[in-house]
């Protein structure tokens, strides 16, 4: 049992190390509005997270806070079969991420307890393709959702009269006002250099397993 546990621990540690490079949302801020006056700040969530109720859920009054939250979804995936639509691109118009493009996905949430407003920004580590702001446009990109998060109330996603603008790798949030169940957008960026893993995740597991077996042989020698 001891040698097997040793091998399992080694493979687990290396597997976690291989997947730990994900960090594509760089920073953000609330710069104006009643959310700022209420003490709201920007918080980047790491999945799984405990800031929501229940944990790791979004979409149904799960935060009830003046804070602006964001987390990374699926990253550095090549678009296959069908382009992924978005509502606001760098030029302000709708468009799509083309088949073959490598895309990283991110989720931004503003879910206060009572009606609050904010303006602010969120920075990413690569250029922004576009932003999903309309309820109907979320569905085609739900394949990029984070598997560790439970997404509730899909029919309530998006913005109403609020707007976003894009400048390179920065997303500006313009005069958001939200109450229940909050405002949500999904952001598509180009390949994230910080999320790139230099070797396939399976390779460290294989090497760890071989290393563990080698150590076991030495113990038996």
Protein backbone atom coordinates (compact mmCIF):
# COMPACT_ATOMS: atom_id res chain seq x y z
CA UNK A 1 0.00 0.00 0.00
CA UNK A 2 2.77 2.45 0.85
CA UNK A 3 4.53 2.31 -2.55
CA UNK A 4 1.18 2.70 -4.38
CA UNK A 5 0.23 5.69 -2.23
CA UNK A 6 3.63 7.19 -2.97
CA UNK A 7 3.11 6.83 -6.73
CA UNK A 8 -0.41 8.26 -6.49
CA UNK A 9 0.81 11.28 -4.53
CA UNK A 10 3.58 11.93 -7.04
CA UNK A 11 1.25 11.77 -10.04
CA UNK A 12 -1.32 13.96 -8.33
CA UNK A 13 1.22 16.65 -7.45
CA UNK A 14 2.62 16.79 -10.97
CA UNK A 15 -0.86 16.78 -12.47
CA UNK A 16 -1.82 19.77 -10.35
CA UNK A 17 1.41 21.52 -11.28
CA UNK A 18 0.68 21.05 -14.98
CA UNK A 19 -2.74 22.65 -14.65
CA UNK A 20 -1.77 25.49 -12.31
CA UNK A 21 -0.64 28.00 -14.95
CA UNK A 22 -4.16 29.22 -15.64
CA UNK A 23 -4.34 32.94 -14.86
CA UNK A 24 -5.77 34.85 -17.80
CA UNK A 25 -7.78 37.54 -16.00
CA UNK A 26 -5.10 39.97 -14.87
CA UNK A 27 -6.92 42.58 -12.83
CA UNK A 28 -9.98 44.80 -12.63
CA UNK A 29 -11.52 47.73 -10.80
CA UNK A 30 -14.75 49.52 -9.95
CA UNK A 31 -14.05 53.17 -10.71
CA UNK A 32 -17.43 54.87 -10.17
CA UNK A 33 -21.05 54.34 -9.12
CA UNK A 34 -23.00 53.46 -6.00
CA UNK A 35 -21.27 50.06 -5.85
CA UNK A 36 -17.98 51.89 -5.26
CA UNK A 37 -19.61 54.01 -2.54
CA UNK A 38 -20.91 50.79 -0.94
CA UNK A 39 -17.36 49.43 -0.69
CA UNK A 40 -17.46 47.28 -3.82
CA UNK A 41 -14.18 46.07 -5.30
CA UNK A 42 -12.99 43.75 -8.06
CA UNK A 43 -12.45 40.11 -7.09
CA UNK A 44 -11.01 37.43 -9.37
CA UNK A 45 -12.47 34.07 -8.41
CA UNK A 46 -10.52 30.83 -8.52
CA UNK A 47 -12.67 27.78 -9.23
CA UNK A 48 -13.86 26.22 -6.95
CA UNK A 49 -14.84 29.35 -5.03
CA UNK A 50 -16.72 30.02 -1.77
CA UNK A 51 -17.80 33.62 -2.38
CA UNK A 52 -21.17 32.49 -3.78
CA UNK A 53 -24.06 30.77 -2.01
CA UNK A 54 -24.04 27.85 -2.67
CA UNK A 55 -20.31 27.58 -3.46
CA UNK A 56 -19.24 27.78 -7.11
CA UNK A 57 -22.66 28.85 -8.43
CA UNK A 58 -23.71 31.84 -10.52
CA UNK A 59 -26.91 33.24 -12.00
CA UNK A 60 -29.50 33.19 -9.20
CA UNK A 61 -28.67 35.88 -6.61
CA UNK A 62 -25.68 33.82 -5.54
CA UNK A 63 -23.41 36.73 -4.51
CA UNK A 64 -25.65 39.60 -3.29
CA UNK A 65 -22.64 41.89 -2.99
CA UNK A 66 -21.46 45.27 -4.35
CA UNK A 67 -18.31 43.54 -5.64
CA UNK A 68 -17.50 42.85 -9.29
CA UNK A 69 -16.52 39.19 -9.78
CA UNK A 70 -14.82 37.38 -12.66
CA UNK A 71 -13.41 33.92 -13.32
CA UNK A 72 -11.74 32.05 -16.16
CA UNK A 73 -13.68 29.42 -18.06
CA UNK A 74 -12.29 27.00 -20.66
CA UNK A 75 -9.02 28.31 -22.06
CA UNK A 76 -6.99 27.95 -25.24
CA UNK A 77 -9.43 25.78 -27.16
CA UNK A 78 -9.55 25.75 -30.95
CA UNK A 79 -13.01 26.60 -32.28
CA UNK A 80 -14.38 23.61 -34.20
CA UNK A 81 -17.27 23.15 -36.66
CA UNK A 82 -19.16 26.41 -36.08
CA UNK A 83 -18.05 30.02 -35.39
CA UNK A 84 -18.88 31.28 -31.89
CA UNK A 85 -21.00 34.48 -32.00
CA UNK A 86 -20.53 37.55 -29.83
CA UNK A 87 -22.54 40.77 -29.49
CA UNK A 88 -19.80 43.39 -29.08
CA UNK A 89 -16.44 43.27 -30.84
CA UNK A 90 -13.48 45.67 -30.76
CA UNK A 91 -15.26 47.93 -33.28
CA UNK A 92 -18.50 47.86 -31.28
CA UNK A 93 -20.39 45.58 -33.66
CA UNK A 94 -21.48 41.94 -33.43
CA UNK A 95 -19.36 39.20 -34.97
CA UNK A 96 -17.98 35.74 -34.29
CA UNK A 97 -14.83 33.87 -33.40
CA UNK A 98 -13.84 31.99 -36.55
CA UNK A 99 -13.42 28.23 -36.87
CA UNK A 100 -9.79 27.33 -36.20
CA UNK A 101 -9.14 30.29 -33.91
CA UNK A 102 -7.83 29.54 -30.42
CA UNK A 103 -10.05 31.11 -27.79
CA UNK A 104 -10.04 31.58 -24.00
CA UNK A 105 -13.35 32.25 -22.24
CA UNK A 106 -14.07 34.33 -19.12
CA UNK A 107 -17.18 35.21 -17.07
CA UNK A 108 -17.92 38.54 -15.36
CA UNK A 109 -20.69 38.97 -12.76
CA UNK A 110 -22.21 41.95 -10.95
CA UNK A 111 -24.86 40.71 -8.49
CA UNK A 112 -25.70 43.24 -5.74
CA UNK A 113 -28.34 42.73 -3.04
CA UNK A 114 -30.19 45.92 -4.00
CA UNK A 115 -30.02 48.06 -7.12
CA UNK A 116 -26.49 49.48 -7.49
CA UNK A 117 -24.53 51.00 -10.36
CA UNK A 118 -20.91 50.80 -11.41
CA UNK A 119 -18.40 51.71 -14.06
CA UNK A 120 -15.05 49.94 -14.23
CA UNK A 121 -12.74 47.72 -16.22
CA UNK A 122 -11.26 44.22 -16.42
CA UNK A 123 -7.84 43.43 -17.95
CA UNK A 124 -6.87 40.18 -19.68
CA UNK A 125 -3.50 38.82 -20.75
CA UNK A 126 -4.42 38.75 -24.46
CA UNK A 127 -6.51 40.67 -26.99
CA UNK A 128 -10.31 40.49 -26.74
CA UNK A 129 -12.20 38.91 -29.67
CA UNK A 130 -15.62 39.95 -28.40
CA UNK A 131 -18.17 39.95 -25.58
CA UNK A 132 -21.49 38.11 -25.19
CA UNK A 133 -24.08 40.50 -23.74
CA UNK A 134 -27.41 39.13 -25.05
CA UNK A 135 -29.28 36.16 -23.56
CA UNK A 136 -29.67 34.35 -26.89
CA UNK A 137 -25.94 34.53 -27.65
CA UNK A 138 -24.80 32.71 -24.50
CA UNK A 139 -26.11 29.30 -25.60
CA UNK A 140 -23.73 28.69 -28.53
CA UNK A 141 -20.73 29.34 -26.26
CA UNK A 142 -21.83 27.29 -23.26
CA UNK A 143 -19.41 24.57 -24.36
CA UNK A 144 -16.73 26.95 -23.03
CA UNK A 145 -18.29 27.10 -19.55
CA UNK A 146 -16.13 26.12 -16.58
CA UNK A 147 -17.05 22.52 -15.61
CA UNK A 148 -16.42 23.35 -11.95
CA UNK A 149 -19.17 25.99 -11.84
CA UNK A 150 -22.98 25.53 -11.73
CA UNK A 151 -24.69 28.05 -14.03
CA UNK A 152 -28.26 28.88 -12.98
CA UNK A 153 -31.08 30.92 -14.61
CA UNK A 154 -29.72 30.82 -18.18
CA UNK A 155 -32.68 32.87 -19.45
CA UNK A 156 -31.64 35.80 -17.24
CA UNK A 157 -28.06 36.14 -18.48
CA UNK A 158 -26.80 39.26 -20.19
CA UNK A 159 -27.21 43.02 -19.98
CA UNK A 160 -30.19 45.34 -20.47
CA UNK A 161 -29.35 48.98 -21.19
CA UNK A 162 -25.78 48.64 -19.89
CA UNK A 163 -22.88 48.64 -22.34
CA UNK A 164 -19.28 47.48 -22.71
CA UNK A 165 -16.43 48.76 -24.85
CA UNK A 166 -13.14 47.11 -25.78
CA UNK A 167 -9.64 48.52 -26.00
CA UNK A 168 -7.11 45.81 -26.85
CA UNK A 169 -6.99 43.52 -23.82
CA UNK A 170 -9.09 45.81 -21.59
CA UNK A 171 -12.87 45.61 -21.22
CA UNK A 172 -14.65 48.76 -20.02
CA UNK A 173 -17.95 48.39 -18.15
CA UNK A 174 -20.09 51.44 -18.79
CA UNK A 175 -22.82 52.45 -16.33
CA UNK A 176 -23.93 48.99 -15.23
CA UNK A 177 -27.01 48.99 -13.00
CA UNK A 178 -28.13 45.68 -11.53
CA UNK A 179 -30.22 44.13 -8.79
CA UNK A 180 -31.70 40.62 -9.20
CA UNK A 181 -30.33 38.34 -10.61
CA UNK A 182 -27.48 40.65 -11.68
CA UNK A 183 -25.53 41.47 -14.83
CA UNK A 184 -23.38 38.90 -16.60
CA UNK A 185 -21.15 38.91 -19.69
CA UNK A 186 -18.89 36.30 -21.26
CA UNK A 187 -15.60 37.51 -22.77
CA UNK A 188 -13.64 35.74 -25.52
CA UNK A 189 -9.93 36.47 -25.75
CA UNK A 190 -7.16 35.29 -28.02
CA UNK A 191 -4.83 32.51 -26.86
CA UNK A 192 -3.79 33.13 -23.28
CA UNK A 193 0.00 32.91 -22.87
CA UNK A 194 -0.40 32.50 -19.11
CA UNK A 195 -2.72 29.52 -19.54
CA UNK A 196 -0.44 27.66 -21.93
CA UNK A 197 1.02 24.42 -20.56
CA UNK A 198 4.30 23.47 -22.30
CA UNK A 199 3.61 19.72 -22.24
CA UNK A 200 0.36 17.69 -22.40
CA UNK A 201 -1.17 17.20 -18.98
CA UNK A 202 -0.95 13.41 -19.44
CA UNK A 203 2.84 13.48 -19.86
CA UNK A 204 3.70 14.58 -16.29
CA UNK A 205 1.36 11.86 -15.00
CA UNK A 206 3.16 9.26 -17.07
CA UNK A 207 6.60 10.49 -15.99
CA UNK A 208 5.51 10.59 -12.37
CA UNK A 209 4.21 7.06 -12.59
CA UNK A 210 7.45 5.84 -14.15
CA UNK A 211 9.43 7.70 -11.51
CA UNK A 212 7.39 6.10 -8.77
CA UNK A 213 7.90 2.64 -10.22
CA UNK A 214 11.64 3.30 -10.50
CA UNK A 215 11.71 4.32 -6.83
CA UNK A 216 9.76 1.19 -5.92
CA UNK A 217 12.28 -1.01 -7.75
CA UNK A 218 15.12 0.66 -5.87
CA UNK A 219 13.38 0.06 -2.55
CA UNK A 220 13.00 -3.64 -3.39
CA UNK A 221 16.61 -3.98 -4.63
